[in-house]
């Protein structure tokens, strides 16, 4: 795993999940890639924590985990996980 990929903040809009990285880049991926997140309430989406030294994101209310590295790899990598 590339430990330089470290998340700093998470934002959402109707179409995209945006993850701001520690190096100030912003990674945006379509929300349609994450059915569990699309079905979550706004309160559940806002309740996230960083895990694994900020290389992953957890939404404890919906028991969902996401690797920032997998977001870079694309949809195929997310489906394989």
N, C-alpha and C. Protein backbone atom coordinates (compact mmCIF):
# COMPACT_ATOMS: atom_id res chain seq x y z
N UNK A 1 0.83 -1.18 0.00
CA UNK A 1 0.00 0.00 0.00
C UNK A 1 0.88 1.24 0.00
N UNK A 2 0.47 2.22 -0.74
CA UNK A 2 1.19 3.48 -0.82
C UNK A 2 0.80 4.34 0.39
N UNK A 3 1.67 4.42 1.37
CA UNK A 3 1.33 5.14 2.60
C UNK A 3 1.29 6.64 2.41
N UNK A 4 1.72 7.16 1.25
CA UNK A 4 1.61 8.59 1.01
C UNK A 4 0.19 9.00 0.64
N UNK A 5 -0.69 8.02 0.37
CA UNK A 5 -2.09 8.31 0.09
C UNK A 5 -2.82 8.35 1.41
N UNK A 6 -2.94 9.53 1.96
CA UNK A 6 -3.52 9.71 3.28
C UNK A 6 -4.69 10.69 3.17
N UNK A 7 -5.87 10.26 3.63
CA UNK A 7 -7.07 11.08 3.54
C UNK A 7 -7.10 12.13 4.65
N UNK A 8 -7.68 13.26 4.31
CA UNK A 8 -7.77 14.38 5.25
C UNK A 8 -9.22 14.78 5.52
N UNK A 9 -10.08 14.67 4.50
CA UNK A 9 -11.49 15.06 4.64
C UNK A 9 -12.33 14.35 3.60
N UNK A 10 -13.61 14.20 3.91
CA UNK A 10 -14.56 13.56 3.01
C UNK A 10 -15.72 14.52 2.79
N UNK A 11 -16.13 14.65 1.52
CA UNK A 11 -17.27 15.50 1.16
C UNK A 11 -18.13 14.74 0.16
N UNK A 12 -19.40 15.10 0.08
CA UNK A 12 -20.33 14.46 -0.83
C UNK A 12 -21.13 15.51 -1.57
N UNK A 13 -21.57 15.15 -2.75
CA UNK A 13 -22.65 15.87 -3.40
C UNK A 13 -23.55 14.80 -4.01
N UNK A 14 -24.51 15.18 -4.80
CA UNK A 14 -25.46 14.19 -5.32
C UNK A 14 -24.79 13.19 -6.27
N UNK A 15 -23.69 13.56 -6.90
CA UNK A 15 -23.08 12.69 -7.90
C UNK A 15 -21.76 12.06 -7.47
N UNK A 16 -21.02 12.71 -6.57
CA UNK A 16 -19.65 12.27 -6.30
C UNK A 16 -19.32 12.17 -4.82
N UNK A 17 -18.42 11.24 -4.54
CA UNK A 17 -17.74 11.16 -3.26
C UNK A 17 -16.38 11.83 -3.46
N UNK A 18 -16.09 12.85 -2.68
CA UNK A 18 -14.83 13.59 -2.79
C UNK A 18 -14.00 13.31 -1.55
N UNK A 19 -12.77 12.89 -1.75
CA UNK A 19 -11.85 12.68 -0.63
C UNK A 19 -10.65 13.60 -0.83
N UNK A 20 -10.47 14.50 0.13
CA UNK A 20 -9.31 15.39 0.10
C UNK A 20 -8.14 14.65 0.75
N UNK A 21 -7.03 14.62 0.05
CA UNK A 21 -5.85 13.93 0.55
C UNK A 21 -4.95 14.90 1.31
N UNK A 22 -4.06 14.35 2.11
CA UNK A 22 -3.16 15.17 2.93
C UNK A 22 -2.29 16.08 2.07
N UNK A 23 -1.99 15.64 0.83
CA UNK A 23 -1.16 16.47 -0.05
C UNK A 23 -1.98 17.49 -0.85
N UNK A 24 -3.25 17.67 -0.48
CA UNK A 24 -4.18 18.66 -1.03
C UNK A 24 -4.84 18.25 -2.34
N UNK A 25 -4.52 17.08 -2.88
CA UNK A 25 -5.27 16.59 -4.04
C UNK A 25 -6.67 16.21 -3.59
N UNK A 26 -7.60 16.24 -4.53
CA UNK A 26 -8.97 15.80 -4.25
C UNK A 26 -9.30 14.68 -5.23
N UNK A 27 -9.69 13.55 -4.68
CA UNK A 27 -10.07 12.39 -5.46
C UNK A 27 -11.60 12.32 -5.46
N UNK A 28 -12.19 12.33 -6.65
CA UNK A 28 -13.65 12.26 -6.77
C UNK A 28 -14.03 11.03 -7.56
N UNK A 29 -14.97 10.27 -7.03
CA UNK A 29 -15.47 9.08 -7.71
C UNK A 29 -16.99 9.11 -7.67
N UNK A 30 -17.64 8.50 -8.66
CA UNK A 30 -19.11 8.53 -8.71
C UNK A 30 -19.75 7.82 -7.52
N UNK A 31 -20.76 8.43 -6.95
CA UNK A 31 -21.49 7.82 -5.84
C UNK A 31 -22.13 6.50 -6.26
N UNK A 32 -22.45 6.34 -7.55
CA UNK A 32 -23.07 5.11 -8.00
C UNK A 32 -22.16 3.89 -7.82
N UNK A 33 -20.88 4.12 -7.60
CA UNK A 33 -19.96 3.02 -7.32
C UNK A 33 -20.19 2.44 -5.93
N UNK A 34 -20.88 3.18 -5.07
CA UNK A 34 -21.04 2.80 -3.67
C UNK A 34 -22.52 2.71 -3.30
N UNK A 35 -23.21 1.65 -3.67
CA UNK A 35 -24.64 1.54 -3.37
C UNK A 35 -24.96 1.70 -1.88
N UNK A 36 -24.08 1.19 -1.02
CA UNK A 36 -24.31 1.32 0.43
C UNK A 36 -24.31 2.78 0.86
N UNK A 37 -23.44 3.57 0.27
CA UNK A 37 -23.40 4.99 0.61
C UNK A 37 -24.57 5.73 0.00
N UNK A 38 -25.00 5.35 -1.18
CA UNK A 38 -26.16 5.99 -1.81
C UNK A 38 -27.42 5.77 -1.00
N UNK A 39 -27.53 4.64 -0.33
CA UNK A 39 -28.72 4.32 0.45
C UNK A 39 -28.67 4.92 1.86
N UNK A 40 -27.53 5.42 2.27
CA UNK A 40 -27.37 5.97 3.63
C UNK A 40 -28.01 7.35 3.74
N UNK A 41 -28.37 7.70 4.95
CA UNK A 41 -28.88 9.04 5.21
C UNK A 41 -27.71 10.03 5.24
N UNK A 42 -28.02 11.30 5.14
CA UNK A 42 -26.99 12.32 5.21
C UNK A 42 -26.27 12.27 6.55
N UNK A 43 -27.00 12.03 7.62
CA UNK A 43 -26.38 11.93 8.95
C UNK A 43 -25.41 10.75 8.99
N UNK A 44 -25.78 9.63 8.39
CA UNK A 44 -24.88 8.46 8.36
C UNK A 44 -23.64 8.75 7.52
N UNK A 45 -23.81 9.45 6.40
CA UNK A 45 -22.67 9.79 5.55
C UNK A 45 -21.69 10.72 6.25
N UNK A 46 -22.21 11.64 7.02
CA UNK A 46 -21.35 12.60 7.72
C UNK A 46 -20.62 11.97 8.90
N UNK A 47 -21.10 10.81 9.36
CA UNK A 47 -20.47 10.14 10.50
C UNK A 47 -19.47 9.12 9.98
N UNK A 48 -18.28 9.58 9.66
CA UNK A 48 -17.21 8.71 9.16
C UNK A 48 -15.98 8.91 10.03
N UNK A 49 -15.09 7.94 9.98
CA UNK A 49 -13.81 8.05 10.66
C UNK A 49 -12.74 7.52 9.72
N UNK A 50 -11.53 8.00 9.90
CA UNK A 50 -10.41 7.48 9.12
C UNK A 50 -9.83 6.30 9.87
N UNK A 51 -9.45 5.29 9.12
CA UNK A 51 -8.86 4.08 9.69
C UNK A 51 -7.55 3.77 8.98
N UNK A 52 -6.80 2.87 9.54
CA UNK A 52 -5.54 2.39 8.92
C UNK A 52 -4.62 3.56 8.54
N UNK A 53 -4.33 4.38 9.53
CA UNK A 53 -3.43 5.53 9.32
C UNK A 53 -3.91 6.45 8.21
N UNK A 54 -5.21 6.69 8.19
CA UNK A 54 -5.86 7.60 7.23
C UNK A 54 -5.81 7.10 5.79
N UNK A 55 -5.60 5.80 5.59
CA UNK A 55 -5.63 5.25 4.24
C UNK A 55 -6.98 4.61 3.92
N UNK A 56 -7.87 4.61 4.90
CA UNK A 56 -9.21 4.06 4.71
C UNK A 56 -10.23 4.91 5.42
N UNK A 57 -11.49 4.70 5.03
CA UNK A 57 -12.60 5.45 5.62
C UNK A 57 -13.62 4.43 6.09
N UNK A 58 -14.16 4.67 7.28
CA UNK A 58 -15.19 3.79 7.83
C UNK A 58 -16.43 4.60 8.14
N UNK A 59 -17.58 4.06 7.77
CA UNK A 59 -18.86 4.61 8.15
C UNK A 59 -19.47 3.60 9.12
N UNK A 60 -19.28 3.79 10.42
CA UNK A 60 -19.68 2.77 11.40
C UNK A 60 -21.19 2.54 11.46
N UNK A 61 -21.99 3.55 11.17
CA UNK A 61 -23.44 3.39 11.26
C UNK A 61 -23.99 2.43 10.21
N UNK A 62 -23.26 2.28 9.10
CA UNK A 62 -23.71 1.36 8.05
C UNK A 62 -22.72 0.21 7.84
N UNK A 63 -21.71 0.14 8.71
CA UNK A 63 -20.69 -0.91 8.65
C UNK A 63 -20.07 -1.00 7.25
N UNK A 64 -19.58 0.14 6.77
CA UNK A 64 -18.98 0.20 5.44
C UNK A 64 -17.56 0.76 5.54
N UNK A 65 -16.64 0.12 4.81
CA UNK A 65 -15.24 0.52 4.82
C UNK A 65 -14.79 0.73 3.38
N UNK A 66 -13.94 1.73 3.18
CA UNK A 66 -13.46 2.04 1.84
C UNK A 66 -11.99 2.39 1.89
N UNK A 67 -11.22 1.77 1.04
CA UNK A 67 -9.80 2.06 0.91
C UNK A 67 -9.60 3.19 -0.09
N UNK A 68 -8.83 4.19 0.29
CA UNK A 68 -8.53 5.29 -0.63
C UNK A 68 -7.75 4.75 -1.83
N UNK A 69 -6.87 3.82 -1.59
CA UNK A 69 -6.10 3.22 -2.69
C UNK A 69 -7.03 2.54 -3.70
N UNK A 70 -8.08 1.89 -3.23
CA UNK A 70 -9.04 1.24 -4.13
C UNK A 70 -9.79 2.28 -4.96
N UNK A 71 -10.03 3.45 -4.39
CA UNK A 71 -10.68 4.52 -5.15
C UNK A 71 -9.80 4.92 -6.34
N UNK A 72 -8.50 5.00 -6.12
CA UNK A 72 -7.57 5.32 -7.21
C UNK A 72 -7.59 4.23 -8.28
N UNK A 73 -7.70 2.98 -7.86
CA UNK A 73 -7.64 1.85 -8.79
C UNK A 73 -8.86 1.79 -9.69
N UNK A 74 -9.99 2.30 -9.22
CA UNK A 74 -11.18 2.32 -10.05
C UNK A 74 -12.24 1.33 -9.64
N UNK A 75 -13.32 1.35 -10.37
CA UNK A 75 -14.50 0.56 -10.05
C UNK A 75 -14.22 -0.94 -10.00
N UNK A 76 -13.40 -1.44 -10.92
CA UNK A 76 -13.13 -2.87 -10.94
C UNK A 76 -12.48 -3.33 -9.64
N UNK A 77 -11.57 -2.53 -9.09
CA UNK A 77 -10.90 -2.86 -7.84
C UNK A 77 -11.89 -2.84 -6.68
N UNK A 78 -12.82 -1.90 -6.68
CA UNK A 78 -13.80 -1.82 -5.62
C UNK A 78 -14.71 -3.04 -5.64
N UNK A 79 -15.09 -3.49 -6.82
CA UNK A 79 -15.98 -4.65 -6.93
C UNK A 79 -15.27 -5.92 -6.52
N UNK A 80 -13.96 -5.99 -6.71
CA UNK A 80 -13.20 -7.18 -6.36
C UNK A 80 -12.98 -7.30 -4.86
N UNK A 81 -13.07 -6.19 -4.15
CA UNK A 81 -12.77 -6.18 -2.71
C UNK A 81 -13.89 -6.81 -1.89
